[in-house]
Amino acid sequence: MAALAFVTEYRSHWAIERRLGELFPKASLQLLDHASWVHRAQPFTDWWFVRTESDVAVEGHCLSRREIFDRAGRLLASAQWMTRVTL
C-alpha cells in the first residue's frame, strides 16, 4: 500500500513537463489538489506500468492523471491532481 501511495504522487509533474516542452524549466508549479484511489492492494514483487497524462491545460491550470497497472494489465491504483503553472 505504501508503494502504491508513493507512486501515485512521485514525479507527478512529468505529464506537465511533456506538455510545456522547453518552457518547463522556466515554470513554477503549485499542486492545488490531489486524490488517489487504490483499486487492488498488491505487493511490490514485480514491475508496475505507470501511465501519466495531462489531459487539460487551460489558463495556467493543468489536470493530470496517473494509472498504475500490474504485469497482467490490471489497474492497481489511479490518481488525479490539479496543478497551477506560472511561466
Protein backbone atom coordinates (compact mmCIF):
# COMPACT_ATOMS: atom_id res chain seq x y z
CA MET A 1 0.00 0.00 0.00
CA ALA A 2 2.80 2.40 0.84
CA ALA A 3 4.49 1.79 -2.51
CA LEU A 4 1.23 2.45 -4.38
CA ALA A 5 0.65 5.65 -2.41
CA PHE A 6 4.18 6.81 -3.20
CA VAL A 7 3.92 6.05 -6.92
CA THR A 8 0.63 7.94 -7.32
CA GLU A 9 2.39 11.23 -6.49
CA TYR A 10 6.07 10.61 -7.33
CA ARG A 11 7.24 12.91 -10.14
CA SER A 12 3.65 13.89 -10.86
CA HIS A 13 4.83 16.83 -12.95
CA TRP A 14 6.11 14.59 -15.79
CA ALA A 15 2.94 15.00 -17.85
CA ILE A 16 3.04 18.76 -17.43
CA GLU A 17 6.70 18.78 -18.40
CA ARG A 18 5.87 16.93 -21.63
CA ARG A 19 3.04 19.36 -22.37
CA LEU A 20 5.15 22.50 -21.80
CA GLY A 21 8.29 21.22 -23.50
CA GLU A 22 11.14 23.73 -23.47
CA LEU A 23 9.09 26.21 -21.39
CA PHE A 24 9.07 23.80 -18.43
CA PRO A 25 12.40 24.86 -16.81
CA LYS A 26 11.04 28.42 -16.52
CA ALA A 27 7.74 27.31 -14.99
CA SER A 28 6.69 27.43 -11.37
CA LEU A 29 4.34 24.61 -10.28
CA GLN A 30 1.91 24.60 -7.38
CA LEU A 31 -0.08 21.46 -6.54
CA LEU A 32 -3.66 22.54 -5.80
CA ASP A 33 -5.44 19.24 -5.25
CA HIS A 34 -4.58 15.53 -5.30
CA ALA A 35 -6.68 12.40 -4.97
CA SER A 36 -5.60 8.75 -5.08
CA TRP A 37 -7.57 5.53 -5.29
CA VAL A 38 -6.20 2.04 -4.65
CA HIS A 39 -8.25 -0.49 -6.59
CA ARG A 40 -6.22 -3.61 -5.76
CA ALA A 41 -3.65 -3.92 -2.99
CA GLN A 42 -0.77 -5.91 -4.39
CA PRO A 43 2.73 -6.49 -3.00
CA PHE A 44 5.56 -4.81 -4.89
CA THR A 45 7.13 -8.09 -6.05
CA ASP A 46 7.05 -7.47 -9.80
CA TRP A 47 7.19 -4.47 -12.10
CA TRP A 48 4.37 -1.96 -12.47
CA PHE A 49 3.47 0.06 -15.53
CA VAL A 50 2.83 3.74 -14.73
CA ARG A 51 0.97 5.89 -17.25
CA THR A 52 0.77 9.63 -16.64
CA GLU A 53 -1.11 12.08 -18.84
CA SER A 54 -2.12 15.72 -18.68
CA ASP A 55 -5.44 15.88 -20.47
CA VAL A 56 -6.35 19.51 -19.88
CA ALA A 57 -4.21 22.65 -19.58
CA VAL A 58 -6.10 25.94 -19.73
CA GLU A 59 -5.03 29.37 -18.43
CA GLY A 60 -2.30 28.01 -16.17
CA HIS A 61 -4.31 25.14 -14.68
CA CYS A 62 -3.43 21.54 -15.58
CA LEU A 63 -5.48 18.45 -14.81
CA SER A 64 -3.30 15.34 -14.83
CA ARG A 65 -3.97 11.70 -14.11
CA ARG A 66 -1.94 8.62 -13.42
CA GLU A 67 -2.79 4.93 -13.66
CA ILE A 68 -0.69 2.08 -12.28
CA PHE A 69 -1.05 -1.39 -13.78
CA ASP A 70 0.47 -4.76 -12.92
CA ARG A 71 2.12 -7.13 -15.42
CA ALA A 72 -1.25 -8.69 -16.31
CA GLY A 73 -2.70 -5.28 -17.19
CA ARG A 74 -4.93 -4.99 -14.11
CA LEU A 75 -5.46 -1.48 -12.78
CA LEU A 76 -3.93 -1.29 -9.29
CA ALA A 77 -4.29 2.41 -8.48
CA SER A 78 -5.15 5.74 -10.05
CA ALA A 79 -4.67 9.36 -9.13
CA GLN A 80 -5.63 12.80 -10.37
CA TRP A 81 -4.28 16.20 -9.47
CA MET A 82 -4.78 19.83 -10.36
CA THR A 83 -1.67 21.97 -10.76
CA ARG A 84 -1.24 25.70 -11.30
CA VAL A 85 1.53 26.61 -13.74
CA THR A 86 3.11 30.05 -13.80
CA LEU A 87 5.61 30.94 -16.51
